[in-house]
PDB file of all heavy atoms in Angstrom:
ATOM      1  N   ILE A   1      67.042-116.212  28.895  1.00  0.00           N
ATOM      2  CA  ILE A   1      67.986-115.690  29.881  1.00  0.00           C
ATOM      3  C   ILE A   1      68.343-114.246  29.549  1.00  0.00           C
ATOM      4  O   ILE A   1      68.190-113.794  28.407  1.00  0.00           O
ATOM      5  CB  ILE A   1      69.270-116.540  29.948  1.00  0.00           C
ATOM      6  CG1 ILE A   1      70.044-116.482  28.620  1.00  0.00           C
ATOM      7  CG2 ILE A   1      68.926-117.982  30.306  1.00  0.00           C
ATOM      8  CD1 ILE A   1      71.398-117.197  28.673  1.00  0.00           C
ATOM      9  N   ALA A   2      68.820-113.526  30.567  1.00  0.00           N
ATOM     10  CA  ALA A   2      69.253-112.137  30.403  1.00  0.00           C
ATOM     11  C   ALA A   2      70.176-111.781  31.553  1.00  0.00           C
ATOM     12  O   ALA A   2      70.197-112.462  32.587  1.00  0.00           O
ATOM     13  CB  ALA A   2      68.043-111.197  30.374  1.00  0.00           C
ATOM     14  N   GLY A   3      70.939-110.701  31.391  1.00  0.00           N
ATOM     15  CA  GLY A   3      71.802-110.281  32.474  1.00  0.00           C
ATOM     16  C   GLY A   3      72.574-109.017  32.151  1.00  0.00           C
ATOM     17  O   GLY A   3      72.669-108.607  30.987  1.00  0.00           O
ATOM     18  N   ILE A   4      73.108-108.408  33.192  1.00  0.00           N
ATOM     19  CA  ILE A   4      73.898-107.178  33.079  1.00  0.00           C
ATOM     20  C   ILE A   4      75.065-107.250  34.054  1.00  0.00           C
ATOM     21  O   ILE A   4      74.903-107.674  35.207  1.00  0.00           O
ATOM     22  CB  ILE A   4      73.051-105.929  33.397  1.00  0.00           C
ATOM     23  CG1 ILE A   4      71.869-105.803  32.428  1.00  0.00           C
ATOM     24  CG2 ILE A   4      73.910-104.657  33.345  1.00  0.00           C
ATOM     25  CD1 ILE A   4      70.915-104.656  32.781  1.00  0.00           C
ATOM     26  N   VAL A   5      76.227-106.823  33.595  1.00  0.00           N
ATOM     27  CA  VAL A   5      77.386-106.578  34.450  1.00  0.00           C
ATOM     28  C   VAL A   5      77.820-105.149  34.171  1.00  0.00           C
ATOM     29  O   VAL A   5      78.206-104.827  33.043  1.00  0.00           O
ATOM     30  CB  VAL A   5      78.548-107.543  34.141  1.00  0.00           C
ATOM     31  CG1 VAL A   5      79.724-107.244  35.062  1.00  0.00           C
ATOM     32  CG2 VAL A   5      78.107-108.988  34.267  1.00  0.00           C
ATOM     33  N   SER A   6      77.768-104.270  35.182  1.00  0.00           N
ATOM     34  CA  SER A   6      78.054-102.856  34.924  1.00  0.00           C
ATOM     35  C   SER A   6      78.439-102.117  36.191  1.00  0.00           C
ATOM     36  O   SER A   6      77.642-102.011  37.130  1.00  0.00           O
ATOM     37  CB  SER A   6      76.824-102.168  34.303  1.00  0.00           C
ATOM     38  OG  SER A   6      77.070-100.795  34.097  1.00  0.00           O
ATOM     39  N   GLU A   7      79.664-101.615  36.208  1.00  0.00           N
ATOM     40  CA  GLU A   7      80.108-100.764  37.324  1.00  0.00           C
ATOM     41  C   GLU A   7      79.468 -99.388  37.252  1.00  0.00           C
ATOM     42  O   GLU A   7      79.438 -98.653  38.239  1.00  0.00           O
ATOM     43  CB  GLU A   7      81.643-100.627  37.294  1.00  0.00           C
ATOM     44  CG  GLU A   7      82.398-101.887  37.651  1.00  0.00           C
ATOM     45  CD  GLU A   7      82.422-102.153  39.153  1.00  0.00           C
ATOM     46  OE1 GLU A   7      81.986-101.267  39.906  1.00  0.00           O
ATOM     47  OE2 GLU A   7      82.848-103.251  39.547  1.00  0.00           O
ATOM     48  N   LYS A   8      78.933 -99.027  36.089  1.00  0.00           N
ATOM     49  CA  LYS A   8      78.379 -97.676  35.898  1.00  0.00           C
ATOM     50  C   LYS A   8      77.001 -97.511  36.521  1.00  0.00           C
ATOM     51  O   LYS A   8      76.549 -96.401  36.750  1.00  0.00           O
ATOM     52  CB  LYS A   8      78.276 -97.356  34.408  1.00  0.00           C
ATOM     53  CG  LYS A   8      79.574 -97.418  33.635  1.00  0.00           C
ATOM     54  CD  LYS A   8      79.379 -96.932  32.214  1.00  0.00           C
ATOM     55  CE  LYS A   8      78.303 -97.714  31.501  1.00  0.00           C
ATOM     56  NZ  LYS A   8      78.100 -97.233  30.106  1.00  0.00           N
ATOM     57  N   ARG A   9      76.331 -98.629  36.782  1.00  0.00           N
ATOM     58  CA  ARG A   9      74.948 -98.560  37.244  1.00  0.00           C
ATOM     59  C   ARG A   9      74.838 -99.036  38.691  1.00  0.00           C
ATOM     60  O   ARG A   9      75.616 -99.873  39.155  1.00  0.00           O
ATOM     61  CB  ARG A   9      74.045 -99.425  36.356  1.00  0.00           C
ATOM     62  CG  ARG A   9      74.091 -99.047  34.878  1.00  0.00           C
ATOM     63  CD  ARG A   9      73.176 -99.953  34.071  1.00  0.00           C
ATOM     64  NE  ARG A   9      73.363 -99.784  32.629  1.00  0.00           N
ATOM     65  CZ  ARG A   9      72.720 -98.888  31.893  1.00  0.00           C
ATOM     66  NH1 ARG A   9      71.846 -98.078  32.470  1.00  0.00           N
ATOM     67  NH2 ARG A   9      72.950 -98.792  30.590  1.00  0.00           N
ATOM     68  N   SER A  10      73.846 -98.532  39.397  1.00  0.00           N
ATOM     69  CA  SER A  10      73.591 -98.976  40.763  1.00  0.00           C
ATOM     70  C   SER A  10      72.984-100.372  40.732  1.00  0.00           C
ATOM     71  O   SER A  10      72.439-100.814  39.711  1.00  0.00           O
ATOM     72  CB  SER A  10      72.629 -98.019  41.459  1.00  0.00           C
ATOM     73  OG  SER A  10      71.335 -98.102  40.885  1.00  0.00           O
ATOM     74  N   SER A  11      73.062-101.058  41.849  1.00  0.00           N
ATOM     75  CA  SER A  11      72.488-102.400  41.935  1.00  0.00           C
ATOM     76  C   SER A  11      70.992-102.375  41.685  1.00  0.00           C
ATOM     77  O   SER A  11      70.445-103.273  41.032  1.00  0.00           O
ATOM     78  CB  SER A  11      72.784-103.005  43.308  1.00  0.00           C
ATOM     79  OG  SER A  11      74.176-103.169  43.493  1.00  0.00           O
ATOM     80  N   ASN A  12      70.318-101.364  42.195  1.00  0.00           N
ATOM     81  CA  ASN A  12      68.875-101.258  41.989  1.00  0.00           C
ATOM     82  C   ASN A  12      68.536-101.089  40.513  1.00  0.00           C
ATOM     83  O   ASN A  12      67.588-101.700  40.002  1.00  0.00           O
ATOM     84  CB  ASN A  12      68.302-100.080  42.787  1.00  0.00           C
ATOM     85  CG  ASN A  12      68.264-100.352  44.279  1.00  0.00           C
ATOM     86  OD1 ASN A  12      68.312-101.513  44.708  1.00  0.00           O
ATOM     87  ND2 ASN A  12      68.193 -99.300  45.075  1.00  0.00           N
ATOM     88  N   GLU A  13      69.329-100.255  39.826  1.00  0.00           N
ATOM     89  CA  GLU A  13      69.062-100.020  38.411  1.00  0.00           C
ATOM     90  C   GLU A  13      69.319-101.295  37.608  1.00  0.00           C
ATOM     91  O   GLU A  13      68.539-101.634  36.700  1.00  0.00           O
ATOM     92  CB  GLU A  13      69.936 -98.885  37.873  1.00  0.00           C
ATOM     93  CG  GLU A  13      69.650 -98.544  36.410  1.00  0.00           C
ATOM     94  CD  GLU A  13      70.584 -97.488  35.841  1.00  0.00           C
ATOM     95  OE1 GLU A  13      71.555 -97.113  36.528  1.00  0.00           O
ATOM     96  OE2 GLU A  13      70.350 -97.065  34.695  1.00  0.00           O
ATOM     97  N   ILE A  14      70.390-102.001  37.934  1.00  0.00           N
ATOM     98  CA  ILE A  14      70.696-103.248  37.229  1.00  0.00           C
ATOM     99  C   ILE A  14      69.573-104.259  37.424  1.00  0.00           C
ATOM    100  O   ILE A  14      69.101-104.881  36.469  1.00  0.00           O
ATOM    101  CB  ILE A  14      72.043-103.816  37.719  1.00  0.00           C
ATOM    102  CG1 ILE A  14      73.199-102.927  37.255  1.00  0.00           C
ATOM    103  CG2 ILE A  14      72.236-105.251  37.210  1.00  0.00           C
ATOM    104  CD1 ILE A  14      74.541-103.323  37.816  1.00  0.00           C
ATOM    105  N   ARG A  15      69.134-104.407  38.673  1.00  0.00           N
ATOM    106  CA  ARG A  15      68.059-105.357  38.953  1.00  0.00           C
ATOM    107  C   ARG A  15      66.786-104.981  38.194  1.00  0.00           C
ATOM    108  O   ARG A  15      66.126-105.832  37.588  1.00  0.00           O
ATOM    109  CB  ARG A  15      67.767-105.405  40.445  1.00  0.00           C
ATOM    110  CG  ARG A  15      66.652-106.391  40.808  1.00  0.00           C
ATOM    111  CD  ARG A  15      66.408-106.462  42.297  1.00  0.00           C
ATOM    112  NE  ARG A  15      65.980-105.183  42.837  1.00  0.00           N
ATOM    113  CZ  ARG A  15      66.727-104.386  43.604  1.00  0.00           C
ATOM    114  NH1 ARG A  15      67.957-104.741  43.928  1.00  0.00           N
ATOM    115  NH2 ARG A  15      66.264-103.234  44.051  1.00  0.00           N
ATOM    116  N   ASP A  16      66.440-103.713  38.201  1.00  0.00           N
ATOM    117  CA  ASP A  16      65.220-103.269  37.522  1.00  0.00           C
ATOM    118  C   ASP A  16      65.293-103.513  36.014  1.00  0.00           C
ATOM    119  O   ASP A  16      64.313-103.922  35.389  1.00  0.00           O
ATOM    120  CB  ASP A  16      64.972-101.783  37.796  1.00  0.00           C
ATOM    121  CG  ASP A  16      64.567-101.520  39.251  1.00  0.00           C
ATOM    122  OD1 ASP A  16      64.204-102.488  39.942  1.00  0.00           O
ATOM    123  OD2 ASP A  16      64.628-100.349  39.676  1.00  0.00           O
ATOM    124  N   LYS A  17      66.466-103.259  35.449  1.00  0.00           N
ATOM    125  CA  LYS A  17      66.600-103.452  34.005  1.00  0.00           C
ATOM    126  C   LYS A  17      66.591-104.928  33.627  1.00  0.00           C
ATOM    127  O   LYS A  17      66.042-105.315  32.586  1.00  0.00           O
ATOM    128  CB  LYS A  17      67.864-102.759  33.484  1.00  0.00           C
ATOM    129  CG  LYS A  17      67.724-101.241  33.427  1.00  0.00           C
ATOM    130  CD  LYS A  17      68.870-100.583  32.694  1.00  0.00           C
ATOM    131  CE  LYS A  17      68.651 -99.080  32.548  1.00  0.00           C
ATOM    132  NZ  LYS A  17      67.472 -98.765  31.689  1.00  0.00           N
ATOM    133  N   VAL A  18      67.191-105.782  34.447  1.00  0.00           N
ATOM    134  CA  VAL A  18      67.138-107.212  34.179  1.00  0.00           C
ATOM    135  C   VAL A  18      65.701-107.716  34.282  1.00  0.00           C
ATOM    136  O   VAL A  18      65.271-108.569  33.497  1.00  0.00           O
ATOM    137  CB  VAL A  18      68.076-107.982  35.135  1.00  0.00           C
ATOM    138  CG1 VAL A  18      67.844-109.493  35.022  1.00  0.00           C
ATOM    139  CG2 VAL A  18      69.535-107.662  34.812  1.00  0.00           C
ATOM    140  N   LYS A  19      64.943-107.185  35.220  1.00  0.00           N
ATOM    141  CA  LYS A  19      63.531-107.566  35.315  1.00  0.00           C
ATOM    142  C   LYS A  19      62.764-107.130  34.074  1.00  0.00           C
ATOM    143  O   LYS A  19      61.882-107.851  33.590  1.00  0.00           O
ATOM    144  CB  LYS A  19      62.908-106.959  36.571  1.00  0.00           C
ATOM    145  CG  LYS A  19      63.325-107.649  37.865  1.00  0.00           C
ATOM    146  CD  LYS A  19      62.587-107.075  39.070  1.00  0.00           C
ATOM    147  CE  LYS A  19      62.926-107.855  40.327  1.00  0.00           C
ATOM    148  NZ  LYS A  19      62.221-107.315  41.512  1.00  0.00           N
ATOM    149  N   LEU A  20      63.098-105.957  33.537  1.00  0.00           N
ATOM    150  CA  LEU A  20      62.460-105.515  32.293  1.00  0.00           C
ATOM    151  C   LEU A  20      62.828-106.438  31.139  1.00  0.00           C
ATOM    152  O   LEU A  20      61.985-106.764  30.290  1.00  0.00           O
ATOM    153  CB  LEU A  20      62.891-104.079  31.977  1.00  0.00           C
ATOM    154  CG  LEU A  20      62.246-102.959  32.783  1.00  0.00           C
ATOM    155  CD1 LEU A  20      62.920-101.619  32.467  1.00  0.00           C
ATOM    156  CD2 LEU A  20      60.741-102.870  32.472  1.00  0.00           C
ATOM    157  N   MET A  21      64.086-106.858  31.098  1.00  0.00           N
ATOM    158  CA  MET A  21      64.514-107.789  30.048  1.00  0.00           C
ATOM    159  C   MET A  21      63.750-109.110  30.158  1.00  0.00           C
ATOM    160  O   MET A  21      63.273-109.655  29.162  1.00  0.00           O
ATOM    161  CB  MET A  21      66.026-108.047  30.151  1.00  0.00           C
ATOM    162  CG  MET A  21      66.883-106.804  29.917  1.00  0.00           C
ATOM    163  SD  MET A  21      68.633-107.098  30.231  1.00  0.00           S
ATOM    164  CE  MET A  21      69.164-107.702  28.633  1.00  0.00           C
ATOM    165  N   CYS A  22      63.617-109.609  31.380  1.00  0.00           N
ATOM    166  CA  CYS A  22      62.889-110.861  31.590  1.00  0.00           C
ATOM    167  C   CYS A  22      61.419-110.724  31.228  1.00  0.00           C
ATOM    168  O   CYS A  22      60.806-111.664  30.707  1.00  0.00           O
ATOM    169  CB  CYS A  22      63.033-111.318  33.039  1.00  0.00           C
ATOM    170  SG  CYS A  22      64.670-111.953  33.447  1.00  0.00           S
ATOM    171  N   SER A  23      60.863-109.556  31.491  1.00  0.00           N
ATOM    172  CA  SER A  23      59.467-109.317  31.140  1.00  0.00           C
ATOM    173  C   SER A  23      59.258-109.442  29.635  1.00  0.00           C
ATOM    174  O   SER A  23      58.248-109.979  29.173  1.00  0.00           O
ATOM    175  CB  SER A  23      59.032-107.930  31.614  1.00  0.00           C
ATOM    176  OG  SER A  23      57.715-107.637  31.204  1.00  0.00           O
ATOM    177  N   ALA A  24      60.236-108.964  28.859  1.00  0.00           N
ATOM    178  CA  ALA A  24      60.149-109.064  27.396  1.00  0.00           C
ATOM    179  C   ALA A  24      60.301-110.496  26.909  1.00  0.00           C
ATOM    180  O   ALA A  24      59.983-110.804  25.773  1.00  0.00           O
ATOM    181  CB  ALA A  24      61.217-108.179  26.752  1.00  0.00           C
ATOM    182  N   LEU A  25      60.789-111.387  27.790  1.00  0.00           N
ATOM    183  CA  LEU A  25      61.052-112.776  27.426  1.00  0.00           C
ATOM    184  C   LEU A  25      60.053-113.747  28.042  1.00  0.00           C
ATOM    185  O   LEU A  25      60.225-114.965  27.931  1.00  0.00           O
ATOM    186  CB  LEU A  25      62.468-113.160  27.880  1.00  0.00           C
ATOM    187  CG  LEU A  25      63.624-112.337  27.309  1.00  0.00           C
ATOM    188  CD1 LEU A  25      64.932-112.678  28.025  1.00  0.00           C
ATOM    189  CD2 LEU A  25      63.766-112.572  25.814  1.00  0.00           C
ATOM    190  N   GLN A  26      59.025-113.242  28.675  1.00  0.00           N
ATOM    191  CA  GLN A  26      58.107-114.089  29.443  1.00  0.00           C
ATOM    192  C   GLN A  26      57.471-115.186  28.599  1.00  0.00           C
ATOM    193  O   GLN A  26      57.244-116.302  29.064  1.00  0.00           O
ATOM    194  CB  GLN A  26      57.021-113.229  30.082  1.00  0.00           C
ATOM    195  CG  GLN A  26      56.048-114.019  30.949  1.00  0.00           C
ATOM    196  CD  GLN A  26      55.068-113.127  31.675  1.00  0.00           C
ATOM    197  OE1 GLN A  26      55.152-111.912  31.600  1.00  0.00           O
ATOM    198  NE2 GLN A  26      54.134-113.727  32.378  1.00  0.00           N
ATOM    199  N   HIS A  27      57.179-114.893  27.326  1.00  0.00           N
ATOM    200  CA  HIS A  27      56.539-115.885  26.446  1.00  0.00           C
ATOM    201  C   HIS A  27      57.363-117.155  26.319  1.00  0.00           C
ATOM    202  O   HIS A  27      56.827-118.246  26.164  1.00  0.00           O
ATOM    203  CB  HIS A  27      56.306-115.285  25.058  1.00  0.00           C
ATOM    204  CG  HIS A  27      57.547-114.666  24.476  1.00  0.00           C
ATOM    205  ND1 HIS A  27      57.859-113.333  24.659  1.00  0.00           N
ATOM    206  CD2 HIS A  27      58.565-115.187  23.741  1.00  0.00           C
ATOM    207  CE1 HIS A  27      58.999-113.068  24.041  1.00  0.00           C
ATOM    208  NE2 HIS A  27      59.448-114.173  23.481  1.00  0.00           N
ATOM    209  N   GLY A  28      58.702-117.011  26.372  1.00  0.00           N
ATOM    210  CA  GLY A  28      59.576-118.163  26.204  1.00  0.00           C
ATOM    211  C   GLY A  28      59.864-118.909  27.486  1.00  0.00           C
ATOM    212  O   GLY A  28      60.472-119.979  27.465  1.00  0.00           O
ATOM    213  N   GLY A  29      59.428-118.357  28.616  1.00  0.00           N
ATOM    214  CA  GLY A  29      59.619-119.012  29.904  1.00  0.00           C
ATOM    215  C   GLY A  29      58.450-118.724  30.822  1.00  0.00           C
ATOM    216  O   GLY A  29      58.560-117.960  31.779  1.00  0.00           O
ATOM    217  N   PRO A  30      57.294-119.331  30.522  1.00  0.00           N
ATOM    218  CA  PRO A  30      56.076-118.985  31.252  1.00  0.00           C
ATOM    219  C   PRO A  30      55.943-119.625  32.629  1.00  0.00           C
ATOM    220  O   PRO A  30      55.038-119.266  33.384  1.00  0.00           O
ATOM    221  CB  PRO A  30      54.973-119.496  30.319  1.00  0.00           C
ATOM    222  CG  PRO A  30      55.600-120.654  29.605  1.00  0.00           C
ATOM    223  CD  PRO A  30      57.031-120.272  29.418  1.00  0.00           C
ATOM    224  N   ASP A  31      56.832-120.576  32.978  1.00  0.00           N
ATOM    225  CA  ASP A  31      56.616-121.366  34.185  1.00  0.00           C
ATOM    226  C   ASP A  31      57.227-120.776  35.448  1.00  0.00           C
ATOM    227  O   ASP A  31      56.776-121.090  36.554  1.00  0.00           O
ATOM    228  CB  ASP A  31      57.174-122.786  33.981  1.00  0.00           C
ATOM    229  CG  ASP A  31      56.460-123.532  32.868  1.00  0.00           C
ATOM    230  OD1 ASP A  31      55.283-123.223  32.619  1.00  0.00           O
ATOM    231  OD2 ASP A  31      57.075-124.419  32.242  1.00  0.00           O
ATOM    232  N   ASP A  32      58.249-119.927  35.305  1.00  0.00           N
ATOM    233  CA  ASP A  32      58.938-119.430  36.508  1.00  0.00           C
ATOM    234  C   ASP A  32      59.845-118.273  36.120  1.00  0.00           C
ATOM    235  O   ASP A  32      60.242-118.144  34.953  1.00  0.00           O
ATOM    236  CB  ASP A  32      59.780-120.564  37.136  1.00  0.00           C
ATOM    237  CG  ASP A  32      60.338-120.214  38.507  1.00  0.00           C
ATOM    238  OD1 ASP A  32      59.807-119.281  39.150  1.00  0.00           O
ATOM    239  OD2 ASP A  32      61.305-120.873  38.938  1.00  0.00           O
ATOM    240  N   GLU A  33      60.176-117.427  37.106  1.00  0.00           N
ATOM    241  CA  GLU A  33      61.139-116.343  36.898  1.00  0.00           C
ATOM    242  C   GLU A  33      62.086-116.290  38.080  1.00  0.00           C
ATOM    243  O   GLU A  33      61.694-116.561  39.224  1.00  0.00           O
ATOM    244  CB  GLU A  33      60.439-114.994  36.750  1.00  0.00           C
ATOM    245  CG  GLU A  33      61.435-113.831  36.572  1.00  0.00           C
ATOM    246  CD  GLU A  33      60.757-112.474  36.382  1.00  0.00           C
ATOM    247  OE1 GLU A  33      60.193-112.266  35.303  1.00  0.00           O
ATOM    248  OE2 GLU A  33      60.799-111.660  37.318  1.00  0.00           O
ATOM    249  N   GLY A  34      63.345-115.956  37.813  1.00  0.00           N
ATOM    250  CA  GLY A  34      64.317-115.821  38.891  1.00  0.00           C
ATOM    251  C   GLY A  34      65.334-114.749  38.576  1.00  0.00           C
ATOM    252  O   GLY A  34      65.630-114.466  37.415  1.00  0.00           O
ATOM    253  N   ILE A  35      65.853-114.118  39.640  1.00  0.00           N
ATOM    254  CA  ILE A  35      66.902-113.103  39.531  1.00  0.00           C
ATOM    255  C   ILE A  35      67.990-113.441  40.535  1.00  0.00           C
ATOM    256  O   ILE A  35      67.707-113.739  41.701  1.00  0.00           O
ATOM    257  CB  ILE A  35      66.363-111.681  39.827  1.00  0.00           C
ATOM    258  CG1 ILE A  35      65.222-111.308  38.885  1.00  0.00           C
ATOM    259  CG2 ILE A  35      67.508-110.655  39.746  1.00  0.00           C
ATOM    260  CD1 ILE A  35      65.628-110.978  37.479  1.00  0.00           C
ATOM    261  N   PHE A  36      69.254-113.402  40.096  1.00  0.00           N
ATOM    262  CA  PHE A  36      70.392-113.505  41.003  1.00  0.00           C
ATOM    263  C   PHE A  36      71.186-112.211  40.919  1.00  0.00           C
ATOM    264  O   PHE A  36      71.419-111.683  39.833  1.00  0.00           O
ATOM    265  CB  PHE A  36      71.306-114.675  40.628  1.00  0.00           C
ATOM    266  CG  PHE A  36      72.684-114.567  41.224  1.00  0.00           C
ATOM    267  CD1 PHE A  36      72.885-114.755  42.582  1.00  0.00           C
ATOM    268  CD2 PHE A  36      73.784-114.231  40.441  1.00  0.00           C
ATOM    269  CE1 PHE A  36      74.143-114.623  43.140  1.00  0.00           C
ATOM    270  CE2 PHE A  36      75.051-114.106  40.985  1.00  0.00           C
ATOM    271  CZ  PHE A  36      75.234-114.298  42.345  1.00  0.00           C
ATOM    272  N   GLU A  37      71.618-111.705  42.098  1.00  0.00           N
ATOM    273  CA  GLU A  37      72.394-110.466  42.123  1.00  0.00           C
ATOM    274  C   GLU A  37      73.669-110.654  42.936  1.00  0.00           C
ATOM    275  O   GLU A  37      73.676-111.346  43.956  1.00  0.00           O
ATOM    276  CB  GLU A  37      71.592-109.342  42.778  1.00  0.00           C
ATOM    277  CG  GLU A  37      70.306-108.979  42.093  1.00  0.00           C
ATOM    278  CD  GLU A  37      69.546-107.940  42.896  1.00  0.00           C
ATOM    279  OE1 GLU A  37      69.951-106.757  42.864  1.00  0.00           O
ATOM    280  OE2 GLU A  37      68.579-108.312  43.581  1.00  0.00           O
ATOM    281  N   ASP A  38      74.726-110.024  42.479  1.00  0.00           N
ATOM    282  CA  ASP A  38      75.941-109.827  43.264  1.00  0.00           C
ATOM    283  C   ASP A  38      76.163-108.324  43.306  1.00  0.00           C
ATOM    284  O   ASP A  38      76.690-107.734  42.359  1.00  0.00           O
ATOM    285  CB  ASP A  38      77.131-110.548  42.627  1.00  0.00           C
ATOM    286  CG  ASP A  38      78.383-110.494  43.501  1.00  0.00           C
ATOM    287  OD1 ASP A  38      78.638-109.425  44.096  1.00  0.00           O
ATOM    288  OD2 ASP A  38      79.096-111.512  43.583  1.00  0.00           O
ATOM    289  N   GLU A  39      75.713-107.706  44.365  1.00  0.00           N
ATOM    290  CA  GLU A  39      75.738-106.245  44.436  1.00  0.00           C
ATOM    291  C   GLU A  39      77.158-105.692  44.428  1.00  0.00           C
ATOM    292  O   GLU A  39      77.407-104.599  43.901  1.00  0.00           O
ATOM    293  CB  GLU A  39      74.992-105.780  45.689  1.00  0.00           C
ATOM    294  CG  GLU A  39      73.503-106.104  45.666  1.00  0.00           C
ATOM    295  CD  GLU A  39      72.759-105.503  46.841  1.00  0.00           C
ATOM    296  OE1 GLU A  39      73.414-104.817  47.668  1.00  0.00           O
ATOM    297  OE2 GLU A  39      71.542-105.718  46.940  1.00  0.00           O
ATOM    298  N   GLU A  40      78.087-106.450  45.000  1.00  0.00           N
ATOM    299  CA  GLU A  40      79.470-105.970  45.050  1.00  0.00           C
ATOM    300  C   GLU A  40      80.069-105.870  43.650  1.00  0.00           C
ATOM    301  O   GLU A  40      80.809-104.938  43.333  1.00  0.00           O
ATOM    302  CB  GLU A  40      80.308-106.913  45.919  1.00  0.00           C
ATOM    303  CG  GLU A  40      81.747-106.437  46.104  1.00  0.00           C
ATOM    304  CD  GLU A  40      82.537-107.359  47.009  1.00  0.00           C
ATOM    305  OE1 GLU A  40      81.921-108.091  47.814  1.00  0.00           O
ATOM    306  OE2 GLU A  40      83.779-107.349  46.909  1.00  0.00           O
ATOM    307  N   LEU A  41      79.746-106.819  42.790  1.00  0.00           N
ATOM    308  CA  LEU A  41      80.276-106.824  41.426  1.00  0.00           C
ATOM    309  C   LEU A  41      79.335-106.149  40.435  1.00  0.00           C
ATOM    310  O   LEU A  41      79.613-106.134  39.235  1.00  0.00           O
ATOM    311  CB  LEU A  41      80.552-108.253  40.970  1.00  0.00           C
ATOM    312  CG  LEU A  41      81.840-108.898  41.494  1.00  0.00           C
ATOM    313  CD1 LEU A  41      81.997-110.295  40.931  1.00  0.00           C
ATOM    314  CD2 LEU A  41      83.064-108.072  41.153  1.00  0.00           C
ATOM    315  N   HIS A  42      78.217-105.633  40.920  1.00  0.00           N
ATOM    316  CA  HIS A  42      77.239-104.973  40.037  1.00  0.00           C
ATOM    317  C   HIS A  42      76.813-105.916  38.915  1.00  0.00           C
ATOM    318  O   HIS A  42      76.863-105.585  37.734  1.00  0.00           O
ATOM    319  CB  HIS A  42      77.819-103.680  39.461  1.00  0.00           C
ATOM    320  CG  HIS A  42      78.091-102.636  40.502  1.00  0.00           C
ATOM    321  ND1 HIS A  42      77.233-101.595  40.744  1.00  0.00           N
ATOM    322  CD2 HIS A  42      79.123-102.498  41.380  1.00  0.00           C
ATOM    323  CE1 HIS A  42      77.729-100.835  41.721  1.00  0.00           C
ATOM    324  NE2 HIS A  42      78.875-101.371  42.122  1.00  0.00           N
ATOM    325  N   LEU A  43      76.388-107.109  39.323  1.00  0.00           N
ATOM    326  CA  LEU A  43      75.989-108.155  38.383  1.00  0.00           C
ATOM    327  C   LEU A  43      74.592-108.645  38.715  1.00  0.00           C
ATOM    328  O   LEU A  43      74.233-108.772  39.898  1.00  0.00           O
ATOM    329  CB  LEU A  43      76.987-109.316  38.455  1.00  0.00           C
ATOM    330  CG  LEU A  43      76.682-110.613  37.704  1.00  0.00           C
ATOM    331  CD1 LEU A  43      77.983-111.298  37.283  1.00  0.00           C
ATOM    332  CD2 LEU A  43      75.873-111.600  38.569  1.00  0.00           C
TER     333      LEU A  43
END
């Protein structure tokens, strides 16, 4: 698992960075990937 909560970053940047984090973790979760976003809370 991975995640970011940050008012300092745009929603696009947060999503991109979480995807990078998940990419580094792919070996531990090879069967599926998912992302949830709350753009209003920058999460």
